[in-house]
């Protein structure tokens, strides 16, 4: 078996110019369903430093087939299930979970 260091530099070695463009950035993703969840994981893999995941929905058997989360995570908040998947793939990214809100003061 082969082992490799899991440093930010090692993980970002093959991401190309995108890593430099997103390094140190925070991205907020509103809605982490099938599309938002996949985008969030790709952003993490691209080198975004911090992701804020905003959603109040839960993983259900009917939507797990399209989601980054597995059917084993049924019942969890999509943000929590996605948090697990992201840090499993990219342990250096900081992930923050938030319940969905449309209140401008809370959004700030």
PDB file of N, CA and C in Angstrom:
ATOM      1  N   UNK A   1       0.831  -1.183   0.000  1.00  0.00           N
ATOM      2  CA  UNK A   1       0.000   0.000   0.000  1.00  0.00           C
ATOM      3  C   UNK A   1       0.871   1.241   0.000  1.00  0.00           C
ATOM      4  N   UNK A   2       0.310   2.332  -0.470  1.00  0.00           N
ATOM      5  CA  UNK A   2       1.059   3.573  -0.604  1.00  0.00           C
ATOM      6  C   UNK A   2       0.472   4.630   0.328  1.00  0.00           C
ATOM      7  N   UNK A   3       1.325   5.368   0.986  1.00  0.00           N
ATOM      8  CA  UNK A   3       0.852   6.465   1.818  1.00  0.00           C
ATOM      9  C   UNK A   3       1.397   7.774   1.278  1.00  0.00           C
ATOM     10  N   UNK A   4       0.607   8.826   1.486  1.00  0.00           N
ATOM     11  CA  UNK A   4       0.966  10.148   0.983  1.00  0.00           C
ATOM     12  C   UNK A   4       0.639  11.159   2.069  1.00  0.00           C
ATOM     13  N   UNK A   5       1.459  12.186   2.239  1.00  0.00           N
ATOM     14  CA  UNK A   5       1.119  13.205   3.230  1.00  0.00           C
ATOM     15  C   UNK A   5      -0.166  13.939   2.833  1.00  0.00           C
ATOM     16  N   UNK A   6      -0.998  14.234   3.811  1.00  0.00           N
ATOM     17  CA  UNK A   6      -2.257  14.925   3.545  1.00  0.00           C
ATOM     18  C   UNK A   6      -2.119  16.373   3.981  1.00  0.00           C
ATOM     19  N   UNK A   7      -1.224  17.078   3.335  1.00  0.00           N
ATOM     20  CA  UNK A   7      -1.062  18.497   3.597  1.00  0.00           C
ATOM     21  C   UNK A   7      -1.837  19.271   2.540  1.00  0.00           C
ATOM     22  N   UNK A   8      -2.114  20.517   2.821  1.00  0.00           N
ATOM     23  CA  UNK A   8      -2.811  21.358   1.851  1.00  0.00           C
ATOM     24  C   UNK A   8      -2.017  21.416   0.540  1.00  0.00           C
ATOM     25  N   UNK A   9      -0.716  21.547   0.634  1.00  0.00           N
ATOM     26  CA  UNK A   9       0.126  21.614  -0.563  1.00  0.00           C
ATOM     27  C   UNK A   9       0.035  20.332  -1.372  1.00  0.00           C
ATOM     28  N   UNK A  10       0.089  19.193  -0.694  1.00  0.00           N
ATOM     29  CA  UNK A  10       0.010  17.911  -1.396  1.00  0.00           C
ATOM     30  C   UNK A  10      -1.342  17.736  -2.077  1.00  0.00           C
ATOM     31  N   UNK A  11      -2.412  18.129  -1.402  1.00  0.00           N
ATOM     32  CA  UNK A  11      -3.744  17.976  -1.985  1.00  0.00           C
ATOM     33  C   UNK A  11      -3.969  18.915  -3.166  1.00  0.00           C
ATOM     34  N   UNK A  12      -3.382  20.094  -3.127  1.00  0.00           N
ATOM     35  CA  UNK A  12      -3.622  21.096  -4.167  1.00  0.00           C
ATOM     36  C   UNK A  12      -2.641  21.013  -5.332  1.00  0.00           C
ATOM     37  N   UNK A  13      -1.687  20.100  -5.265  1.00  0.00           N
ATOM     38  CA  UNK A  13      -0.628  20.010  -6.265  1.00  0.00           C
ATOM     39  C   UNK A  13      -1.169  19.892  -7.686  1.00  0.00           C
ATOM     40  N   UNK A  14      -2.260  19.193  -7.881  1.00  0.00           N
ATOM     41  CA  UNK A  14      -2.770  18.953  -9.233  1.00  0.00           C
ATOM     42  C   UNK A  14      -4.002  19.774  -9.587  1.00  0.00           C
ATOM     43  N   UNK A  15      -4.356  20.775  -8.800  1.00  0.00           N
ATOM     44  CA  UNK A  15      -5.544  21.563  -9.108  1.00  0.00           C
ATOM     45  C   UNK A  15      -5.278  22.679 -10.100  1.00  0.00           C
ATOM     46  N   UNK A  16      -4.030  22.963 -10.380  1.00  0.00           N
ATOM     47  CA  UNK A  16      -3.695  23.963 -11.382  1.00  0.00           C
ATOM     48  C   UNK A  16      -3.949  25.387 -10.917  1.00  0.00           C
ATOM     49  N   UNK A  17      -4.192  26.292 -11.872  1.00  0.00           N
ATOM     50  CA  UNK A  17      -4.328  27.713 -11.535  1.00  0.00           C
ATOM     51  C   UNK A  17      -5.551  28.034 -10.683  1.00  0.00           C
ATOM     52  N   UNK A  18      -6.546  27.166 -10.681  1.00  0.00           N
ATOM     53  CA  UNK A  18      -7.743  27.427  -9.892  1.00  0.00           C
ATOM     54  C   UNK A  18      -7.424  27.512  -8.402  1.00  0.00           C
ATOM     55  N   UNK A  19      -6.515  26.682  -7.925  1.00  0.00           N
ATOM     56  CA  UNK A  19      -6.160  26.693  -6.507  1.00  0.00           C
ATOM     57  C   UNK A  19      -5.649  28.053  -6.070  1.00  0.00           C
ATOM     58  N   UNK A  20      -4.827  28.681  -6.886  1.00  0.00           N
ATOM     59  CA  UNK A  20      -4.303  30.005  -6.541  1.00  0.00           C
ATOM     60  C   UNK A  20      -5.416  31.045  -6.535  1.00  0.00           C
ATOM     61  N   UNK A  21      -6.385  30.903  -7.430  1.00  0.00           N
ATOM     62  CA  UNK A  21      -7.484  31.874  -7.527  1.00  0.00           C
ATOM     63  C   UNK A  21      -8.432  31.794  -6.332  1.00  0.00           C
ATOM     64  N   UNK A  22      -8.592  30.613  -5.752  1.00  0.00           N
ATOM     65  CA  UNK A  22      -9.557  30.458  -4.654  1.00  0.00           C
ATOM     66  C   UNK A  22      -8.897  30.314  -3.286  1.00  0.00           C
ATOM     67  N   UNK A  23      -7.587  30.265  -3.237  1.00  0.00           N
ATOM     68  CA  UNK A  23      -6.874  30.112  -1.960  1.00  0.00           C
ATOM     69  C   UNK A  23      -7.257  31.231  -0.999  1.00  0.00           C
ATOM     70  N   UNK A  24      -7.560  30.870   0.235  1.00  0.00           N
ATOM     71  CA  UNK A  24      -7.912  31.850   1.253  1.00  0.00           C
ATOM     72  C   UNK A  24      -9.332  32.369   1.164  1.00  0.00           C
ATOM     73  N   UNK A  25     -10.102  31.896   0.222  1.00  0.00           N
ATOM     74  CA  UNK A  25     -11.471  32.394   0.006  1.00  0.00           C
ATOM     75  C   UNK A  25     -12.485  31.643   0.852  1.00  0.00           C
ATOM     76  N   UNK A  26     -13.570  32.360   1.168  1.00  0.00           N
ATOM     77  CA  UNK A  26     -14.734  31.763   1.805  1.00  0.00           C
ATOM     78  C   UNK A  26     -15.864  31.784   0.792  1.00  0.00           C
ATOM     79  N   UNK A  27     -16.558  30.673   0.643  1.00  0.00           N
ATOM     80  CA  UNK A  27     -17.696  30.578  -0.263  1.00  0.00           C
ATOM     81  C   UNK A  27     -18.899  30.117   0.536  1.00  0.00           C
ATOM     82  N   UNK A  28     -20.027  30.806   0.344  1.00  0.00           N
ATOM     83  CA  UNK A  28     -21.293  30.419   0.969  1.00  0.00           C
ATOM     84  C   UNK A  28     -22.132  29.722  -0.087  1.00  0.00           C
ATOM     85  N   UNK A  29     -22.615  28.520   0.221  1.00  0.00           N
ATOM     86  CA  UNK A  29     -23.453  27.766  -0.705  1.00  0.00           C
ATOM     87  C   UNK A  29     -24.840  27.657  -0.094  1.00  0.00           C
ATOM     88  N   UNK A  30     -25.815  28.310  -0.733  1.00  0.00           N
ATOM     89  CA  UNK A  30     -27.206  28.243  -0.287  1.00  0.00           C
ATOM     90  C   UNK A  30     -27.879  27.085  -1.009  1.00  0.00           C
ATOM     91  N   UNK A  31     -28.276  26.086  -0.245  1.00  0.00           N
ATOM     92  CA  UNK A  31     -28.905  24.903  -0.822  1.00  0.00           C
ATOM     93  C   UNK A  31     -27.843  23.886  -1.195  1.00  0.00           C
ATOM     94  N   UNK A  32     -27.752  22.814  -0.404  1.00  0.00           N
ATOM     95  CA  UNK A  32     -26.724  21.798  -0.656  1.00  0.00           C
ATOM     96  C   UNK A  32     -27.376  20.464  -1.007  1.00  0.00           C
ATOM     97  N   UNK A  33     -28.340  20.546  -1.929  1.00  0.00           N
ATOM     98  CA  UNK A  33     -28.965  19.338  -2.454  1.00  0.00           C
ATOM     99  C   UNK A  33     -28.055  18.684  -3.481  1.00  0.00           C
ATOM    100  N   UNK A  34     -28.663  18.074  -4.481  1.00  0.00           N
ATOM    101  CA  UNK A  34     -27.888  17.342  -5.493  1.00  0.00           C
ATOM    102  C   UNK A  34     -26.877  18.239  -6.200  1.00  0.00           C
ATOM    103  N   UNK A  35     -27.293  19.389  -6.651  1.00  0.00           N
ATOM    104  CA  UNK A  35     -26.390  20.291  -7.363  1.00  0.00           C
ATOM    105  C   UNK A  35     -25.485  21.074  -6.405  1.00  0.00           C
ATOM    106  N   UNK A  36     -26.074  21.717  -5.395  1.00  0.00           N
ATOM    107  CA  UNK A  36     -25.291  22.509  -4.446  1.00  0.00           C
ATOM    108  C   UNK A  36     -24.277  21.675  -3.692  1.00  0.00           C
ATOM    109  N   UNK A  37     -24.635  20.448  -3.340  1.00  0.00           N
ATOM    110  CA  UNK A  37     -23.708  19.564  -2.635  1.00  0.00           C
ATOM    111  C   UNK A  37     -22.514  19.186  -3.495  1.00  0.00           C
ATOM    112  N   UNK A  38     -22.785  18.886  -4.770  1.00  0.00           N
ATOM    113  CA  UNK A  38     -21.694  18.543  -5.692  1.00  0.00           C
ATOM    114  C   UNK A  38     -20.784  19.749  -5.918  1.00  0.00           C
ATOM    115  N   UNK A  39     -21.379  20.929  -6.060  1.00  0.00           N
ATOM    116  CA  UNK A  39     -20.590  22.147  -6.251  1.00  0.00           C
ATOM    117  C   UNK A  39     -19.719  22.418  -5.018  1.00  0.00           C
ATOM    118  N   UNK A  40     -20.299  22.268  -3.825  1.00  0.00           N
ATOM    119  CA  UNK A  40     -19.539  22.503  -2.592  1.00  0.00           C
ATOM    120  C   UNK A  40     -18.342  21.555  -2.487  1.00  0.00           C
ATOM    121  N   UNK A  41     -18.548  20.296  -2.817  1.00  0.00           N
ATOM    122  CA  UNK A  41     -17.441  19.338  -2.767  1.00  0.00           C
ATOM    123  C   UNK A  41     -16.362  19.706  -3.785  1.00  0.00           C
ATOM    124  N   UNK A  42     -16.763  20.108  -4.975  1.00  0.00           N
ATOM    125  CA  UNK A  42     -15.782  20.519  -5.982  1.00  0.00           C
ATOM    126  C   UNK A  42     -15.020  21.772  -5.558  1.00  0.00           C
ATOM    127  N   UNK A  43     -15.724  22.718  -4.929  1.00  0.00           N
ATOM    128  CA  UNK A  43     -15.049  23.913  -4.423  1.00  0.00           C
ATOM    129  C   UNK A  43     -14.004  23.546  -3.368  1.00  0.00           C
ATOM    130  N   UNK A  44     -14.373  22.643  -2.480  1.00  0.00           N
ATOM    131  CA  UNK A  44     -13.423  22.201  -1.454  1.00  0.00           C
ATOM    132  C   UNK A  44     -12.206  21.553  -2.100  1.00  0.00           C
ATOM    133  N   UNK A  45     -12.447  20.711  -3.076  1.00  0.00           N
ATOM    134  CA  UNK A  45     -11.343  20.028  -3.767  1.00  0.00           C
ATOM    135  C   UNK A  45     -10.487  21.007  -4.567  1.00  0.00           C
ATOM    136  N   UNK A  46     -11.057  22.148  -4.919  1.00  0.00           N
ATOM    137  CA  UNK A  46     -10.333  23.143  -5.709  1.00  0.00           C
ATOM    138  C   UNK A  46      -9.445  24.039  -4.871  1.00  0.00           C
ATOM    139  N   UNK A  47      -9.609  24.007  -3.538  1.00  0.00           N
ATOM    140  CA  UNK A  47      -8.730  24.783  -2.684  1.00  0.00           C
ATOM    141  C   UNK A  47      -9.372  25.900  -1.900  1.00  0.00           C
ATOM    142  N   UNK A  48     -10.716  26.011  -1.937  1.00  0.00           N
ATOM    143  CA  UNK A  48     -11.384  27.022  -1.120  1.00  0.00           C
ATOM    144  C   UNK A  48     -11.029  26.753   0.339  1.00  0.00           C
ATOM    145  N   UNK A  49     -10.714  27.805   1.075  1.00  0.00           N
ATOM    146  CA  UNK A  49     -10.284  27.630   2.470  1.00  0.00           C
ATOM    147  C   UNK A  49     -11.440  27.341   3.413  1.00  0.00           C
ATOM    148  N   UNK A  50     -12.585  27.997   3.170  1.00  0.00           N
ATOM    149  CA  UNK A  50     -13.713  27.885   4.108  1.00  0.00           C
ATOM    150  C   UNK A  50     -15.012  27.828   3.317  1.00  0.00           C
ATOM    151  N   UNK A  51     -15.866  26.873   3.668  1.00  0.00           N
ATOM    152  CA  UNK A  51     -17.186  26.741   3.057  1.00  0.00           C
ATOM    153  C   UNK A  51     -18.253  26.926   4.117  1.00  0.00           C
ATOM    154  N   UNK A  52     -19.259  27.728   3.807  1.00  0.00           N
ATOM    155  CA  UNK A  52     -20.424  27.878   4.673  1.00  0.00           C
ATOM    156  C   UNK A  52     -21.576  27.223   3.932  1.00  0.00           C
ATOM    157  N   UNK A  53     -22.121  26.163   4.515  1.00  0.00           N
ATOM    158  CA  UNK A  53     -23.202  25.402   3.902  1.00  0.00           C
ATOM    159  C   UNK A  53     -24.525  25.805   4.544  1.00  0.00           C
ATOM    160  N   UNK A  54     -25.485  26.258   3.737  1.00  0.00           N
ATOM    161  CA  UNK A  54     -26.754  26.749   4.251  1.00  0.00           C
ATOM    162  C   UNK A  54     -27.894  25.917   3.672  1.00  0.00           C
ATOM    163  N   UNK A  55     -28.591  25.190   4.533  1.00  0.00           N
ATOM    164  CA  UNK A  55     -29.745  24.386   4.111  1.00  0.00           C
ATOM    165  C   UNK A  55     -30.435  23.853   5.354  1.00  0.00           C
ATOM    166  N   UNK A  56     -31.731  23.635   5.278  1.00  0.00           N
ATOM    167  CA  UNK A  56     -32.480  23.070   6.404  1.00  0.00           C
ATOM    168  C   UNK A  56     -33.072  21.706   6.074  1.00  0.00           C
ATOM    169  N   UNK A  57     -32.844  21.233   4.871  1.00  0.00           N
ATOM    170  CA  UNK A  57     -33.435  19.971   4.428  1.00  0.00           C
ATOM    171  C   UNK A  57     -32.610  18.783   4.933  1.00  0.00           C
ATOM    172  N   UNK A  58     -33.239  17.628   4.919  1.00  0.00           N
ATOM    173  CA  UNK A  58     -32.587  16.389   5.352  1.00  0.00           C
ATOM    174  C   UNK A  58     -32.406  15.435   4.178  1.00  0.00           C
ATOM    175  N   UNK A  59     -31.423  14.554   4.306  1.00  0.00           N
ATOM    176  CA  UNK A  59     -31.208  13.514   3.302  1.00  0.00           C
ATOM    177  C   UNK A  59     -32.333  12.502   3.448  1.00  0.00           C
ATOM    178  N   UNK A  60     -32.965  12.183   2.324  1.00  0.00           N
ATOM    179  CA  UNK A  60     -34.044  11.196   2.305  1.00  0.00           C
ATOM    180  C   UNK A  60     -33.698  10.116   1.284  1.00  0.00           C
ATOM    181  N   UNK A  61     -34.260   8.920   1.440  1.00  0.00           N
ATOM    182  CA  UNK A  61     -33.932   7.852   0.481  1.00  0.00           C
ATOM    183  C   UNK A  61     -34.196   8.261  -0.962  1.00  0.00           C
ATOM    184  N   UNK A  62     -35.247   9.043  -1.189  1.00  0.00           N
ATOM    185  CA  UNK A  62     -35.594   9.450  -2.546  1.00  0.00           C
ATOM    186  C   UNK A  62     -34.636  10.444  -3.160  1.00  0.00           C
ATOM    187  N   UNK A  63     -33.906  11.203  -2.345  1.00  0.00           N
ATOM    188  CA  UNK A  63     -32.957  12.154  -2.929  1.00  0.00           C
ATOM    189  C   UNK A  63     -31.503  11.744  -2.718  1.00  0.00           C
ATOM    190  N   UNK A  64     -31.262  10.710  -1.931  1.00  0.00           N
ATOM    191  CA  UNK A  64     -29.886  10.254  -1.695  1.00  0.00           C
ATOM    192  C   UNK A  64     -29.247   9.730  -2.979  1.00  0.00           C
ATOM    193  N   UNK A  65     -30.042   9.231  -3.894  1.00  0.00           N
ATOM    194  CA  UNK A  65     -29.490   8.687  -5.132  1.00  0.00           C
ATOM    195  C   UNK A  65     -28.809   9.776  -5.969  1.00  0.00           C
ATOM    196  N   UNK A  66     -29.250  11.030  -5.825  1.00  0.00           N
ATOM    197  CA  UNK A  66     -28.654  12.139  -6.582  1.00  0.00           C
ATOM    198  C   UNK A  66     -27.632  12.919  -5.771  1.00  0.00           C
ATOM    199  N   UNK A  67     -27.609  12.716  -4.477  1.00  0.00           N
ATOM    200  CA  UNK A  67     -26.836  13.555  -3.567  1.00  0.00           C
ATOM    201  C   UNK A  67     -25.433  13.013  -3.356  1.00  0.00           C
ATOM    202  N   UNK A  68     -24.505  13.900  -2.979  1.00  0.00           N
ATOM    203  CA  UNK A  68     -23.142  13.501  -2.626  1.00  0.00           C
ATOM    204  C   UNK A  68     -23.166  12.579  -1.404  1.00  0.00           C
ATOM    205  N   UNK A  69     -24.099  12.831  -0.496  1.00  0.00           N
ATOM    206  CA  UNK A  69     -24.237  11.995   0.703  1.00  0.00           C
ATOM    207  C   UNK A  69     -24.751  10.613   0.314  1.00  0.00           C
ATOM    208  N   UNK A  70     -24.490   9.639   1.151  1.00  0.00           N
ATOM    209  CA  UNK A  70     -24.946   8.280   0.861  1.00  0.00           C
ATOM    210  C   UNK A  70     -26.301   8.014   1.519  1.00  0.00           C
ATOM    211  N   UNK A  71     -26.931   6.946   1.095  1.00  0.00           N
ATOM    212  CA  UNK A  71     -28.217   6.564   1.673  1.00  0.00           C
ATOM    213  C   UNK A  71     -28.058   6.207   3.153  1.00  0.00           C
ATOM    214  N   UNK A  72     -26.848   5.852   3.568  1.00  0.00           N
ATOM    215  CA  UNK A  72     -26.583   5.565   4.979  1.00  0.00           C
ATOM    216  C   UNK A  72     -26.739   6.814   5.841  1.00  0.00           C
ATOM    217  N   UNK A  73     -26.725   7.988   5.216  1.00  0.00           N
ATOM    218  CA  UNK A  73     -26.858   9.246   5.956  1.00  0.00           C
ATOM    219  C   UNK A  73     -28.304   9.765   5.942  1.00  0.00           C
ATOM    220  N   UNK A  74     -29.236   8.900   5.559  1.00  0.00           N
ATOM    221  CA  UNK A  74     -30.652   9.266   5.547  1.00  0.00           C
ATOM    222  C   UNK A  74     -31.067   9.793   6.916  1.00  0.00           C
ATOM    223  N   UNK A  75     -31.789  10.907   6.899  1.00  0.00           N
ATOM    224  CA  UNK A  75     -32.278  11.516   8.132  1.00  0.00           C
ATOM    225  C   UNK A  75     -31.403  12.640   8.647  1.00  0.00           C
ATOM    226  N   UNK A  76     -30.139  12.666   8.253  1.00  0.00           N
ATOM    227  CA  UNK A  76     -29.253  13.751   8.682  1.00  0.00           C
ATOM    228  C   UNK A  76     -29.587  15.022   7.908  1.00  0.00           C
ATOM    229  N   UNK A  77     -29.279  16.158   8.505  1.00  0.00           N
ATOM    230  CA  UNK A  77     -29.342  17.400   7.742  1.00  0.00           C
ATOM    231  C   UNK A  77     -28.381  17.276   6.570  1.00  0.00           C
ATOM    232  N   UNK A  78     -28.761  17.810   5.425  1.00  0.00           N
ATOM    233  CA  UNK A  78     -27.873  17.740   4.256  1.00  0.00           C
ATOM    234  C   UNK A  78     -26.546  18.437   4.533  1.00  0.00           C
ATOM    235  N   UNK A  79     -26.577  19.500   5.322  1.00  0.00           N
ATOM    236  CA  UNK A  79     -25.325  20.190   5.659  1.00  0.00           C
ATOM    237  C   UNK A  79     -24.397  19.274   6.450  1.00  0.00           C
ATOM    238  N   UNK A  80     -24.949  18.510   7.383  1.00  0.00           N
ATOM    239  CA  UNK A  80     -24.130  17.608   8.209  1.00  0.00           C
ATOM    240  C   UNK A  80     -23.583  16.451   7.389  1.00  0.00           C
ATOM    241  N   UNK A  81     -24.425  15.881   6.530  1.00  0.00           N
ATOM    242  CA  UNK A  81     -23.972  14.785   5.675  1.00  0.00           C
ATOM    243  C   UNK A  81     -22.880  15.258   4.728  1.00  0.00           C
ATOM    244  N   UNK A  82     -23.062  16.447   4.168  1.00  0.00           N
ATOM    245  CA  UNK A  82     -22.071  16.993   3.247  1.00  0.00           C
ATOM    246  C   UNK A  82     -20.782  17.358   3.979  1.00  0.00           C
ATOM    247  N   UNK A  83     -20.896  17.893   5.180  1.00  0.00           N
ATOM    248  CA  UNK A  83     -19.721  18.190   6.014  1.00  0.00           C
ATOM    249  C   UNK A  83     -18.844  16.940   6.111  1.00  0.00           C
ATOM    250  N   UNK A  84     -19.459  15.814   6.428  1.00  0.00           N
ATOM    251  CA  UNK A  84     -18.724  14.550   6.566  1.00  0.00           C
ATOM    252  C   UNK A  84     -18.016  14.186   5.265  1.00  0.00           C
ATOM    253  N   UNK A  85     -18.714  14.295   4.161  1.00  0.00           N
ATOM    254  CA  UNK A  85     -18.117  13.940   2.868  1.00  0.00           C
ATOM    255  C   UNK A  85     -16.968  14.881   2.503  1.00  0.00           C
ATOM    256  N   UNK A  86     -17.155  16.165   2.747  1.00  0.00           N
ATOM    257  CA  UNK A  86     -16.114  17.134   2.397  1.00  0.00           C
ATOM    258  C   UNK A  86     -14.843  16.895   3.203  1.00  0.00           C
ATOM    259  N   UNK A  87     -14.959  16.775   4.523  1.00  0.00           N
ATOM    260  CA  UNK A  87     -13.738  16.610   5.329  1.00  0.00           C
ATOM    261  C   UNK A  87     -13.096  15.238   5.114  1.00  0.00           C
ATOM    262  N   UNK A  88     -13.876  14.262   4.642  1.00  0.00           N
ATOM    263  CA  UNK A  88     -13.313  12.962   4.289  1.00  0.00           C
ATOM    264  C   UNK A  88     -12.407  13.099   3.060  1.00  0.00           C
ATOM    265  N   UNK A  89     -12.820  13.933   2.105  1.00  0.00           N
ATOM    266  CA  UNK A  89     -12.058  14.123   0.875  1.00  0.00           C
ATOM    267  C   UNK A  89     -10.993  15.214   0.993  1.00  0.00           C
ATOM    268  N   UNK A  90     -11.308  16.280   1.739  1.00  0.00           N
ATOM    269  CA  UNK A  90     -10.411  17.437   1.834  1.00  0.00           C
ATOM    270  C   UNK A  90     -10.335  17.860   3.300  1.00  0.00           C
ATOM    271  N   UNK A  91      -9.491  17.209   4.094  1.00  0.00           N
ATOM    272  CA  UNK A  91      -9.481  17.465   5.537  1.00  0.00           C
ATOM    273  C   UNK A  91      -9.024  18.866   5.940  1.00  0.00           C
ATOM    274  N   UNK A  92      -8.410  19.619   5.036  1.00  0.00           N
ATOM    275  CA  UNK A  92      -7.894  20.938   5.395  1.00  0.00           C
ATOM    276  C   UNK A  92      -8.912  22.063   5.281  1.00  0.00           C
ATOM    277  N   UNK A  93     -10.050  21.820   4.647  1.00  0.00           N
ATOM    278  CA  UNK A  93     -11.040  22.871   4.463  1.00  0.00           C
ATOM    279  C   UNK A  93     -11.841  23.053   5.753  1.00  0.00           C
ATOM    280  N   UNK A  94     -12.183  24.310   6.054  1.00  0.00           N
ATOM    281  CA  UNK A  94     -13.040  24.585   7.214  1.00  0.00           C
ATOM    282  C   UNK A  94     -14.481  24.659   6.717  1.00  0.00           C
ATOM    283  N   UNK A  95     -15.346  23.880   7.335  1.00  0.00           N
ATOM    284  CA  UNK A  95     -16.747  23.826   6.923  1.00  0.00           C
ATOM    285  C   UNK A  95     -17.621  24.302   8.070  1.00  0.00           C
ATOM    286  N   UNK A  96     -18.536  25.217   7.765  1.00  0.00           N
ATOM    287  CA  UNK A  96     -19.483  25.756   8.740  1.00  0.00           C
ATOM    288  C   UNK A  96     -20.881  25.406   8.252  1.00  0.00           C
ATOM    289  N   UNK A  97     -21.714  24.923   9.161  1.00  0.00           N
ATOM    290  CA  UNK A  97     -23.095  24.577   8.812  1.00  0.00           C
ATOM    291  C   UNK A  97     -24.045  25.638   9.356  1.00  0.00           C
ATOM    292  N   UNK A  98     -25.014  26.013   8.532  1.00  0.00           N
ATOM    293  CA  UNK A  98     -26.042  26.965   8.948  1.00  0.00           C
ATOM    294  C   UNK A  98     -27.399  26.477   8.444  1.00  0.00           C
ATOM    295  N   UNK A  99     -28.436  26.689   9.264  1.00  0.00           N
ATOM    296  CA  UNK A  99     -29.788  26.414   8.801  1.00  0.00           C
ATOM    297  C   UNK A  99     -30.202  27.527   7.856  1.00  0.00           C
ATOM    298  N   UNK A 100     -31.029  27.204   6.890  1.00  0.00           N
ATOM    299  CA  UNK A 100     -31.463  28.189   5.893  1.00  0.00           C
ATOM    300  C   UNK A 100     -32.243  29.312   6.552  1.00  0.00           C
ATOM    301  N   UNK A 101     -31.998  30.508   6.091  1.00  0.00           N
ATOM    302  CA  UNK A 101     -32.732  31.684   6.547  1.00  0.00           C
ATOM    303  C   UNK A 101     -32.758  32.697   5.410  1.00  0.00           C
ATOM    304  N   UNK A 102     -33.784  33.498   5.389  1.00  0.00           N
ATOM    305  CA  UNK A 102     -33.849  34.578   4.404  1.00  0.00           C
ATOM    306  C   UNK A 102     -33.900  35.916   5.112  1.00  0.00           C
ATOM    307  N   UNK A 103     -33.640  35.933   6.419  1.00  0.00           N
ATOM    308  CA  UNK A 103     -33.619  37.150   7.183  1.00  0.00           C
ATOM    309  C   UNK A 103     -32.316  37.896   6.899  1.00  0.00           C
ATOM    310  N   UNK A 104     -32.383  39.119   6.321  1.00  0.00           N
ATOM    311  CA  UNK A 104     -31.161  39.839   5.942  1.00  0.00           C
ATOM    312  C   UNK A 104     -30.169  40.031   7.081  1.00  0.00           C
ATOM    313  N   UNK A 105     -30.654  40.298   8.285  1.00  0.00           N
ATOM    314  CA  UNK A 105     -29.745  40.505   9.418  1.00  0.00           C
ATOM    315  C   UNK A 105     -28.986  39.213   9.739  1.00  0.00           C
ATOM    316  N   UNK A 106     -29.659  38.088   9.707  1.00  0.00           N
ATOM    317  CA  UNK A 106     -28.984  36.800   9.979  1.00  0.00           C
ATOM    318  C   UNK A 106     -28.060  36.405   8.848  1.00  0.00           C
ATOM    319  N   UNK A 107     -28.398  36.771   7.611  1.00  0.00           N
ATOM    320  CA  UNK A 107     -27.532  36.454   6.475  1.00  0.00           C
ATOM    321  C   UNK A 107     -26.200  37.177   6.589  1.00  0.00           C
ATOM    322  N   UNK A 108     -26.218  38.418   7.088  1.00  0.00           N
ATOM    323  CA  UNK A 108     -24.975  39.171   7.261  1.00  0.00           C
ATOM    324  C   UNK A 108     -24.110  38.507   8.299  1.00  0.00           C
TER     325      UNK A 108
END
